[in-house]
Amino acid sequence: MLLRRCPAAAGAGVVAALTVTSAPTTGWCAGGSCVLLGFVLVPLVLLAAVLLAWAVLGLARVRPAWPVALAGPLVVLSLTTTLLGRVWTWPLAVYVVVVAACYVLAALVTSAALPRAWRVALGSSVVVLFGWGVLLPLLVPGL
C-alpha cells in the first residue's frame, strides 16, 4: 500500500507545487490590488492545487485521497514557516522536491499501513511546527 501511496503523493506534490508557482503574481500587488492578491488569488490558487493533487491521487487509486490532498499544504506551510524559510525564493526544482517530500509525509501520516505510533509521532511533529510557525505569530504579534 505504501509502495503506491508515497510515489503518488510525491507526484501530487509536484502537481501542486507547479500549480502554485504558475500563478500570476507579478504586477498584482500595487495599492488596492494587494487585497485582491491576498484574499482572492491566493486561496483560489491553493484550492486549485489541492483539487489537482486530489485528482492525481485519485487517478493513482490512493484511497482515501482527500486527507493527503488537504494535509499536504498544511505540512508545506508548517515546514516553510519554521524550518525552511523562504522556500519560494529557492530554485524551482528544489521547491518542487520540498513540496513533494511534504506530500509524502502527509501520505505517511494519513496511511493505515503505518503503525499508529509512527503516525502519531510524525503527525505530532507537524502539528507542533504548525503551531510554532503559524498559530503562535497570529496569537502573539511581534514575535
N, C-alpha and C. Protein backbone atom coordinates (compact mmCIF):
# COMPACT_ATOMS: atom_id res chain seq x y z
N MET A 1 0.81 -1.19 0.00
CA MET A 1 0.00 0.00 0.00
C MET A 1 0.86 1.26 0.00
N LEU A 2 1.92 1.27 0.83
CA LEU A 2 2.80 2.44 0.86
C LEU A 2 3.62 2.58 -0.42
N LEU A 3 3.84 1.44 -1.11
CA LEU A 3 4.61 1.49 -2.35
C LEU A 3 3.87 2.25 -3.45
N ARG A 4 2.57 2.30 -3.39
CA ARG A 4 1.80 3.07 -4.36
C ARG A 4 1.46 4.45 -3.80
N ARG A 5 1.23 4.53 -2.50
CA ARG A 5 0.77 5.77 -1.87
C ARG A 5 1.85 6.85 -1.88
N CYS A 6 3.08 6.51 -1.55
CA CYS A 6 4.15 7.52 -1.45
C CYS A 6 4.54 8.09 -2.81
N PRO A 7 4.78 7.28 -3.86
CA PRO A 7 5.08 7.90 -5.16
C PRO A 7 3.91 8.71 -5.72
N ALA A 8 2.69 8.26 -5.46
CA ALA A 8 1.53 9.03 -5.92
C ALA A 8 1.45 10.35 -5.18
N ALA A 9 1.75 10.35 -3.89
CA ALA A 9 1.75 11.59 -3.12
C ALA A 9 2.85 12.53 -3.60
N ALA A 10 4.00 11.97 -3.94
CA ALA A 10 5.08 12.81 -4.47
C ALA A 10 4.66 13.43 -5.80
N GLY A 11 4.01 12.66 -6.65
CA GLY A 11 3.51 13.21 -7.91
C GLY A 11 2.46 14.28 -7.69
N ALA A 12 1.58 14.06 -6.71
CA ALA A 12 0.58 15.07 -6.39
C ALA A 12 1.25 16.33 -5.85
N GLY A 13 2.32 16.16 -5.09
CA GLY A 13 3.07 17.32 -4.60
C GLY A 13 3.72 18.11 -5.71
N VAL A 14 4.23 17.39 -6.71
CA VAL A 14 4.83 18.07 -7.87
C VAL A 14 3.75 18.87 -8.61
N VAL A 15 2.59 18.27 -8.80
CA VAL A 15 1.50 18.97 -9.49
C VAL A 15 1.07 20.19 -8.68
N ALA A 16 0.95 20.04 -7.36
CA ALA A 16 0.55 21.17 -6.51
C ALA A 16 1.60 22.27 -6.53
N ALA A 17 2.87 21.91 -6.48
CA ALA A 17 3.94 22.92 -6.50
C ALA A 17 3.96 23.68 -7.82
N LEU A 18 3.79 22.96 -8.91
CA LEU A 18 3.78 23.62 -10.21
C LEU A 18 2.54 24.49 -10.39
N THR A 19 1.43 24.09 -9.77
CA THR A 19 0.22 24.91 -9.82
C THR A 19 0.43 26.22 -9.07
N VAL A 20 1.03 26.13 -7.89
CA VAL A 20 1.26 27.33 -7.08
C VAL A 20 2.25 28.26 -7.75
N THR A 21 3.30 27.71 -8.34
CA THR A 21 4.32 28.56 -8.96
C THR A 21 3.88 29.13 -10.30
N SER A 22 2.85 28.55 -10.90
CA SER A 22 2.39 29.08 -12.19
C SER A 22 1.39 30.21 -12.05
N ALA A 23 1.00 30.54 -10.83
CA ALA A 23 0.04 31.62 -10.62
C ALA A 23 0.67 32.96 -10.96
N PRO A 24 -0.08 33.84 -11.62
CA PRO A 24 0.46 35.17 -11.96
C PRO A 24 0.54 36.05 -10.72
N THR A 25 1.75 36.38 -10.30
CA THR A 25 1.91 37.20 -9.10
C THR A 25 2.59 38.53 -9.37
N THR A 26 3.17 38.72 -10.52
CA THR A 26 3.86 39.98 -10.80
C THR A 26 2.85 41.02 -11.28
N GLY A 27 2.98 42.23 -10.79
CA GLY A 27 2.13 43.32 -11.20
C GLY A 27 0.78 43.37 -10.51
N TRP A 28 0.51 42.46 -9.59
CA TRP A 28 -0.78 42.43 -8.91
C TRP A 28 -0.78 43.29 -7.66
N CYS A 29 0.34 43.36 -6.99
CA CYS A 29 0.36 43.98 -5.68
C CYS A 29 0.82 45.43 -5.79
N ALA A 30 -0.12 46.31 -6.06
CA ALA A 30 0.15 47.74 -6.08
C ALA A 30 -1.10 48.44 -5.57
N GLY A 31 -1.03 48.94 -4.36
CA GLY A 31 -2.17 49.63 -3.78
C GLY A 31 -3.27 48.67 -3.37
N GLY A 32 -4.47 48.94 -3.87
CA GLY A 32 -5.63 48.15 -3.50
C GLY A 32 -5.64 46.74 -4.06
N SER A 33 -4.84 46.49 -5.07
CA SER A 33 -4.82 45.15 -5.64
C SER A 33 -4.14 44.14 -4.72
N CYS A 34 -3.42 44.60 -3.72
CA CYS A 34 -2.84 43.67 -2.73
C CYS A 34 -3.94 42.92 -1.99
N VAL A 35 -5.07 43.58 -1.78
CA VAL A 35 -6.20 42.92 -1.14
C VAL A 35 -6.71 41.80 -2.04
N LEU A 36 -6.79 42.09 -3.33
CA LEU A 36 -7.21 41.07 -4.29
C LEU A 36 -6.26 39.88 -4.27
N LEU A 37 -4.98 40.17 -4.23
CA LEU A 37 -3.98 39.10 -4.22
C LEU A 37 -4.09 38.26 -2.95
N GLY A 38 -4.22 38.92 -1.82
CA GLY A 38 -4.22 38.20 -0.55
C GLY A 38 -5.50 37.45 -0.25
N PHE A 39 -6.62 38.02 -0.60
CA PHE A 39 -7.89 37.43 -0.20
C PHE A 39 -8.60 36.64 -1.29
N VAL A 40 -8.20 36.81 -2.53
CA VAL A 40 -8.88 36.11 -3.62
C VAL A 40 -7.94 35.16 -4.36
N LEU A 41 -6.84 35.68 -4.86
CA LEU A 41 -5.98 34.87 -5.71
C LEU A 41 -5.28 33.75 -4.94
N VAL A 42 -4.75 34.05 -3.76
CA VAL A 42 -4.01 33.03 -3.00
C VAL A 42 -4.92 31.87 -2.60
N PRO A 43 -6.11 32.09 -2.04
CA PRO A 43 -6.98 30.94 -1.75
C PRO A 43 -7.42 30.17 -2.99
N LEU A 44 -7.64 30.88 -4.10
CA LEU A 44 -8.02 30.18 -5.33
C LEU A 44 -6.90 29.30 -5.86
N VAL A 45 -5.68 29.80 -5.81
CA VAL A 45 -4.54 29.00 -6.27
C VAL A 45 -4.32 27.81 -5.34
N LEU A 46 -4.47 28.02 -4.04
CA LEU A 46 -4.32 26.92 -3.09
C LEU A 46 -5.42 25.88 -3.29
N LEU A 47 -6.64 26.33 -3.53
CA LEU A 47 -7.74 25.40 -3.79
C LEU A 47 -7.49 24.62 -5.08
N ALA A 48 -6.99 25.28 -6.10
CA ALA A 48 -6.67 24.58 -7.35
C ALA A 48 -5.59 23.54 -7.13
N ALA A 49 -4.57 23.88 -6.33
CA ALA A 49 -3.50 22.93 -6.04
C ALA A 49 -4.04 21.72 -5.28
N VAL A 50 -4.91 21.95 -4.31
CA VAL A 50 -5.49 20.84 -3.54
C VAL A 50 -6.35 19.96 -4.44
N LEU A 51 -7.17 20.57 -5.28
CA LEU A 51 -8.04 19.78 -6.16
C LEU A 51 -7.24 18.98 -7.19
N LEU A 52 -6.20 19.58 -7.74
CA LEU A 52 -5.37 18.84 -8.69
C LEU A 52 -4.61 17.71 -8.00
N ALA A 53 -4.10 17.96 -6.80
CA ALA A 53 -3.43 16.89 -6.05
C ALA A 53 -4.41 15.77 -5.73
N TRP A 54 -5.62 16.12 -5.36
CA TRP A 54 -6.65 15.13 -5.08
C TRP A 54 -6.95 14.30 -6.33
N ALA A 55 -7.01 14.95 -7.48
CA ALA A 55 -7.27 14.24 -8.73
C ALA A 55 -6.12 13.28 -9.07
N VAL A 56 -4.89 13.73 -8.88
CA VAL A 56 -3.73 12.87 -9.16
C VAL A 56 -3.74 11.66 -8.22
N LEU A 57 -4.03 11.89 -6.96
CA LEU A 57 -4.09 10.79 -6.00
C LEU A 57 -5.24 9.84 -6.32
N GLY A 58 -6.35 10.39 -6.75
CA GLY A 58 -7.48 9.55 -7.14
C GLY A 58 -7.17 8.71 -8.36
N LEU A 59 -6.49 9.30 -9.34
CA LEU A 59 -6.11 8.54 -10.53
C LEU A 59 -5.10 7.45 -10.21
N ALA A 60 -4.29 7.67 -9.19
CA ALA A 60 -3.32 6.65 -8.77
C ALA A 60 -3.94 5.63 -7.82
N ARG A 61 -5.25 5.75 -7.59
CA ARG A 61 -6.01 4.83 -6.74
C ARG A 61 -5.54 4.82 -5.29
N VAL A 62 -5.17 5.98 -4.81
CA VAL A 62 -4.85 6.13 -3.38
C VAL A 62 -6.18 6.36 -2.68
N ARG A 63 -6.51 5.48 -1.74
CA ARG A 63 -7.77 5.59 -1.04
C ARG A 63 -7.52 5.69 0.45
N PRO A 64 -8.08 6.61 1.14
CA PRO A 64 -8.73 7.82 0.69
C PRO A 64 -7.71 8.87 0.27
N ALA A 65 -8.04 9.61 -0.74
CA ALA A 65 -7.11 10.60 -1.29
C ALA A 65 -7.26 11.96 -0.65
N TRP A 66 -8.43 12.29 -0.15
CA TRP A 66 -8.67 13.65 0.35
C TRP A 66 -7.83 14.00 1.57
N PRO A 67 -7.52 13.07 2.52
CA PRO A 67 -6.67 13.50 3.65
C PRO A 67 -5.28 13.93 3.20
N VAL A 68 -4.72 13.23 2.22
CA VAL A 68 -3.39 13.60 1.74
C VAL A 68 -3.44 14.94 1.02
N ALA A 69 -4.48 15.14 0.21
CA ALA A 69 -4.61 16.39 -0.54
C ALA A 69 -4.80 17.58 0.38
N LEU A 70 -5.50 17.40 1.48
CA LEU A 70 -5.72 18.50 2.42
C LEU A 70 -4.56 18.69 3.39
N ALA A 71 -3.91 17.59 3.78
CA ALA A 71 -2.81 17.70 4.74
C ALA A 71 -1.51 18.16 4.08
N GLY A 72 -1.34 17.91 2.81
CA GLY A 72 -0.12 18.30 2.11
C GLY A 72 0.20 19.78 2.23
N PRO A 73 -0.74 20.67 1.90
CA PRO A 73 -0.44 22.11 2.05
C PRO A 73 -0.17 22.53 3.49
N LEU A 74 -0.81 21.86 4.46
CA LEU A 74 -0.55 22.20 5.86
C LEU A 74 0.87 21.79 6.27
N VAL A 75 1.34 20.66 5.75
CA VAL A 75 2.71 20.24 6.03
C VAL A 75 3.69 21.22 5.39
N VAL A 76 3.40 21.62 4.15
CA VAL A 76 4.26 22.60 3.47
C VAL A 76 4.29 23.90 4.25
N LEU A 77 3.13 24.37 4.68
CA LEU A 77 3.05 25.62 5.43
C LEU A 77 3.79 25.53 6.76
N SER A 78 3.62 24.41 7.47
CA SER A 78 4.28 24.29 8.77
C SER A 78 5.80 24.21 8.63
N LEU A 79 6.29 23.53 7.62
CA LEU A 79 7.74 23.43 7.44
C LEU A 79 8.35 24.72 6.92
N THR A 80 7.65 25.40 6.02
CA THR A 80 8.22 26.62 5.45
C THR A 80 8.21 27.78 6.43
N THR A 81 7.25 27.82 7.34
CA THR A 81 7.22 28.92 8.30
C THR A 81 8.19 28.74 9.45
N THR A 82 8.68 27.53 9.66
CA THR A 82 9.56 27.29 10.80
C THR A 82 10.97 26.90 10.39
N LEU A 83 11.10 25.85 9.62
CA LEU A 83 12.43 25.29 9.36
C LEU A 83 13.06 25.74 8.05
N LEU A 84 12.27 25.89 7.02
CA LEU A 84 12.84 26.09 5.70
C LEU A 84 12.93 27.54 5.27
N GLY A 85 12.16 28.41 5.86
CA GLY A 85 12.22 29.82 5.50
C GLY A 85 11.55 30.12 4.18
N ARG A 86 12.15 30.97 3.40
CA ARG A 86 11.56 31.42 2.14
C ARG A 86 11.84 30.43 1.02
N VAL A 87 11.05 29.36 1.00
CA VAL A 87 11.25 28.30 0.01
C VAL A 87 10.94 28.81 -1.39
N TRP A 88 10.00 29.74 -1.52
CA TRP A 88 9.61 30.20 -2.86
C TRP A 88 10.70 31.02 -3.53
N THR A 89 11.74 31.41 -2.80
CA THR A 89 12.86 32.10 -3.43
C THR A 89 13.95 31.12 -3.87
N TRP A 90 13.80 29.86 -3.51
CA TRP A 90 14.75 28.84 -3.93
C TRP A 90 14.54 28.53 -5.41
N PRO A 91 15.49 27.83 -6.04
CA PRO A 91 15.26 27.39 -7.43
C PRO A 91 14.03 26.49 -7.52
N LEU A 92 13.37 26.52 -8.64
CA LEU A 92 12.11 25.81 -8.81
C LEU A 92 12.24 24.32 -8.53
N ALA A 93 13.31 23.72 -8.98
CA ALA A 93 13.48 22.27 -8.80
C ALA A 93 13.57 21.91 -7.32
N VAL A 94 14.26 22.71 -6.53
CA VAL A 94 14.38 22.44 -5.10
C VAL A 94 13.03 22.63 -4.42
N TYR A 95 12.30 23.67 -4.80
CA TYR A 95 10.98 23.92 -4.25
C TYR A 95 10.04 22.76 -4.54
N VAL A 96 10.07 22.26 -5.76
CA VAL A 96 9.19 21.15 -6.15
C VAL A 96 9.54 19.90 -5.34
N VAL A 97 10.82 19.62 -5.14
CA VAL A 97 11.23 18.45 -4.36
C VAL A 97 10.78 18.59 -2.91
N VAL A 98 10.89 19.79 -2.33
CA VAL A 98 10.46 20.01 -0.95
C VAL A 98 8.96 19.79 -0.81
N VAL A 99 8.18 20.32 -1.74
CA VAL A 99 6.73 20.14 -1.68
C VAL A 99 6.36 18.67 -1.88
N ALA A 100 7.04 17.99 -2.79
CA ALA A 100 6.77 16.56 -3.00
C ALA A 100 7.08 15.77 -1.73
N ALA A 101 8.17 16.11 -1.05
CA ALA A 101 8.51 15.43 0.20
C ALA A 101 7.46 15.71 1.28
N CYS A 102 6.93 16.91 1.30
CA CYS A 102 5.88 17.24 2.28
C CYS A 102 4.62 16.43 2.01
N TYR A 103 4.28 16.23 0.75
CA TYR A 103 3.12 15.41 0.42
C TYR A 103 3.36 13.94 0.77
N VAL A 104 4.58 13.46 0.62
CA VAL A 104 4.90 12.09 1.03
C VAL A 104 4.74 11.96 2.55
N LEU A 105 5.19 12.97 3.29
CA LEU A 105 5.00 12.95 4.75
C LEU A 105 3.51 12.95 5.09
N ALA A 106 2.71 13.72 4.37
CA ALA A 106 1.26 13.72 4.59
C ALA A 106 0.67 12.36 4.27
N ALA A 107 1.18 11.70 3.24
CA ALA A 107 0.69 10.37 2.89
C ALA A 107 1.04 9.35 3.96
N LEU A 108 2.22 9.48 4.55
CA LEU A 108 2.61 8.57 5.62
C LEU A 108 1.75 8.77 6.87
N VAL A 109 1.49 10.01 7.20
CA VAL A 109 0.71 10.31 8.41
C VAL A 109 -0.73 9.82 8.26
N THR A 110 -1.27 9.90 7.06
CA THR A 110 -2.67 9.51 6.85
C THR A 110 -2.84 8.06 6.41
N SER A 111 -1.78 7.28 6.36
CA SER A 111 -1.85 5.90 5.90
C SER A 111 -2.19 4.97 7.06
N ALA A 112 -3.06 4.01 6.78
CA ALA A 112 -3.38 3.00 7.78
C ALA A 112 -2.34 1.88 7.80
N ALA A 113 -1.45 1.84 6.82
CA ALA A 113 -0.44 0.79 6.75
C ALA A 113 0.70 1.01 7.74
N LEU A 114 0.88 2.24 8.17
CA LEU A 114 1.93 2.56 9.13
C LEU A 114 1.40 2.34 10.55
N PRO A 115 2.22 1.83 11.46
CA PRO A 115 1.73 1.67 12.84
C PRO A 115 1.30 3.02 13.44
N ARG A 116 0.33 2.94 14.32
CA ARG A 116 -0.25 4.15 14.90
C ARG A 116 0.80 5.01 15.60
N ALA A 117 1.76 4.39 16.27
CA ALA A 117 2.78 5.16 16.99
C ALA A 117 3.61 6.01 16.03
N TRP A 118 3.94 5.48 14.86
CA TRP A 118 4.69 6.24 13.87
C TRP A 118 3.85 7.38 13.30
N ARG A 119 2.57 7.11 13.04
CA ARG A 119 1.70 8.17 12.51
C ARG A 119 1.53 9.30 13.52
N VAL A 120 1.38 8.93 14.80
CA VAL A 120 1.25 9.95 15.84
C VAL A 120 2.53 10.74 15.98
N ALA A 121 3.67 10.08 15.93
CA ALA A 121 4.96 10.79 16.06
C ALA A 121 5.18 11.75 14.89
N LEU A 122 4.94 11.28 13.68
CA LEU A 122 5.11 12.15 12.51
C LEU A 122 4.09 13.28 12.50
N GLY A 123 2.84 12.96 12.81
CA GLY A 123 1.80 13.98 12.83
C GLY A 123 1.99 15.00 13.93
N SER A 124 2.47 14.56 15.08
CA SER A 124 2.70 15.48 16.20
C SER A 124 3.78 16.50 15.86
N SER A 125 4.80 16.05 15.18
CA SER A 125 5.86 16.99 14.82
C SER A 125 5.34 18.05 13.86
N VAL A 126 4.47 17.67 12.94
CA VAL A 126 3.89 18.64 12.02
C VAL A 126 2.97 19.60 12.76
N VAL A 127 2.19 19.07 13.70
CA VAL A 127 1.29 19.93 14.48
C VAL A 127 2.08 20.93 15.31
N VAL A 128 3.15 20.48 15.93
CA VAL A 128 3.98 21.40 16.74
C VAL A 128 4.61 22.47 15.85
N LEU A 129 5.13 22.07 14.70
CA LEU A 129 5.72 23.06 13.78
C LEU A 129 4.66 24.02 13.26
N PHE A 130 3.45 23.54 12.99
CA PHE A 130 2.37 24.41 12.53
C PHE A 130 2.00 25.41 13.62
N GLY A 131 1.89 24.93 14.85
CA GLY A 131 1.58 25.83 15.96
C GLY A 131 2.66 26.86 16.19
N TRP A 132 3.91 26.44 16.07
CA TRP A 132 5.04 27.33 16.30
C TRP A 132 5.17 28.37 15.19
N GLY A 133 5.02 27.95 13.96
CA GLY A 133 5.27 28.85 12.84
C GLY A 133 4.06 29.62 12.34
N VAL A 134 2.85 29.11 12.59
CA VAL A 134 1.65 29.76 12.05
C VAL A 134 0.78 30.33 13.16
N LEU A 135 0.41 29.49 14.12
CA LEU A 135 -0.53 29.95 15.15
C LEU A 135 0.10 30.90 16.16
N LEU A 136 1.31 30.60 16.60
CA LEU A 136 1.95 31.47 17.61
C LEU A 136 2.14 32.90 17.11
N PRO A 137 2.63 33.14 15.88
CA PRO A 137 2.71 34.53 15.41
C PRO A 137 1.35 35.22 15.27
N LEU A 138 0.30 34.44 15.01
CA LEU A 138 -1.04 35.03 14.93
C LEU A 138 -1.56 35.41 16.30
N LEU A 139 -1.27 34.57 17.30
CA LEU A 139 -1.76 34.84 18.65
C LEU A 139 -0.92 35.85 19.40
N VAL A 140 0.39 35.87 19.14
CA VAL A 140 1.30 36.80 19.81
C VAL A 140 1.99 37.63 18.74
N PRO A 141 1.39 38.75 18.33
CA PRO A 141 2.02 39.56 17.29
C PRO A 141 3.35 40.15 17.75
N GLY A 142 4.25 40.29 16.83
CA GLY A 142 5.55 40.86 17.14
C GLY A 142 6.58 39.85 17.59
N LEU A 143 6.22 38.58 17.55
CA LEU A 143 7.16 37.55 17.96
C LEU A 143 8.19 37.29 16.90
